[in-house]
Amino acid sequence: MAYKIIASQCTACGACEFECPNTAIAMKGDIYVIDAVKCTQCEGHFDEPQCAAVCPVEGTCVPA
């Protein structure tokens, strides 16, 4: 299952975009979004999804 970003909580800080090993995160309008096709929850790269690990707003990057 892919992760998603809760738009109302996203501060558009950009921390998640640079941590994603699959380049699944991109700016769309004024917030970041996760491409569900590219998102692997960082399996094979990290022990936990990096978007959730680096996001400064807890609960913004969550399983879809």
Protein backbone atom coordinates (compact mmCIF):
# COMPACT_ATOMS: atom_id res chain seq x y z
CA MET A 1 0.00 0.00 0.00
CA ALA A 2 1.32 3.44 -0.88
CA TYR A 3 1.54 6.42 1.44
CA LYS A 4 -0.31 9.71 0.97
CA ILE A 5 0.13 13.23 2.24
CA ILE A 6 -2.75 14.84 4.12
CA ALA A 7 -3.05 18.10 2.15
CA SER A 8 -4.55 20.14 4.98
CA GLN A 9 -1.54 19.34 7.18
CA CYS A 10 1.24 19.73 4.59
CA THR A 11 3.40 22.80 5.21
CA ALA A 12 5.20 22.37 1.85
CA CYS A 13 8.58 22.29 3.60
CA GLY A 14 9.98 19.84 1.03
CA ALA A 15 11.70 17.53 3.52
CA CYS A 16 9.94 14.45 2.18
CA GLU A 17 10.69 15.04 -1.49
CA PHE A 18 14.44 14.70 -1.10
CA GLU A 19 14.26 11.66 1.17
CA CYS A 20 12.09 9.51 -1.11
CA PRO A 21 14.27 6.82 -2.73
CA ASN A 22 11.70 6.26 -5.49
CA THR A 23 11.18 9.92 -6.48
CA ALA A 24 7.49 9.36 -5.77
CA ILE A 25 6.97 12.76 -4.13
CA ALA A 26 6.53 15.98 -6.09
CA MET A 27 5.07 19.45 -5.69
CA LYS A 28 1.59 19.80 -7.15
CA GLY A 29 0.16 23.26 -6.83
CA ASP A 30 1.19 24.45 -3.39
CA ILE A 31 1.51 21.06 -1.64
CA TYR A 32 3.43 17.84 -2.07
CA VAL A 33 1.77 14.67 -3.31
CA ILE A 34 2.88 11.03 -3.44
CA ASP A 35 2.57 9.05 -6.68
CA ALA A 36 0.97 5.81 -5.48
CA VAL A 37 2.39 3.89 -8.45
CA LYS A 38 5.97 4.77 -7.47
CA CYS A 39 5.58 4.53 -3.68
CA THR A 40 6.88 1.30 -2.14
CA GLN A 41 6.82 2.49 1.50
CA CYS A 42 10.62 2.49 1.17
CA GLU A 43 10.70 -1.32 1.27
CA GLY A 44 14.13 -2.53 0.26
CA HIS A 45 15.65 0.86 1.08
CA PHE A 46 14.76 1.73 4.70
CA ASP A 47 13.08 0.15 7.71
CA GLU A 48 10.31 2.78 7.69
CA PRO A 49 8.78 5.15 5.13
CA GLN A 50 11.12 8.13 5.00
CA CYS A 51 8.40 10.67 4.19
CA ALA A 52 6.76 9.94 7.55
CA ALA A 53 10.10 9.78 9.34
CA VAL A 54 11.28 13.24 8.22
CA CYS A 55 7.98 15.13 8.10
CA PRO A 56 7.92 17.84 10.82
CA VAL A 57 4.11 17.52 11.17
CA GLU A 58 3.22 14.19 12.73
CA GLY A 59 0.46 12.30 10.94
CA THR A 60 0.86 14.09 7.61
CA CYS A 61 2.39 11.18 5.65
CA VAL A 62 0.15 8.17 6.25
CA PRO A 63 -0.78 4.87 4.58
CA ALA A 64 -3.33 5.40 1.80
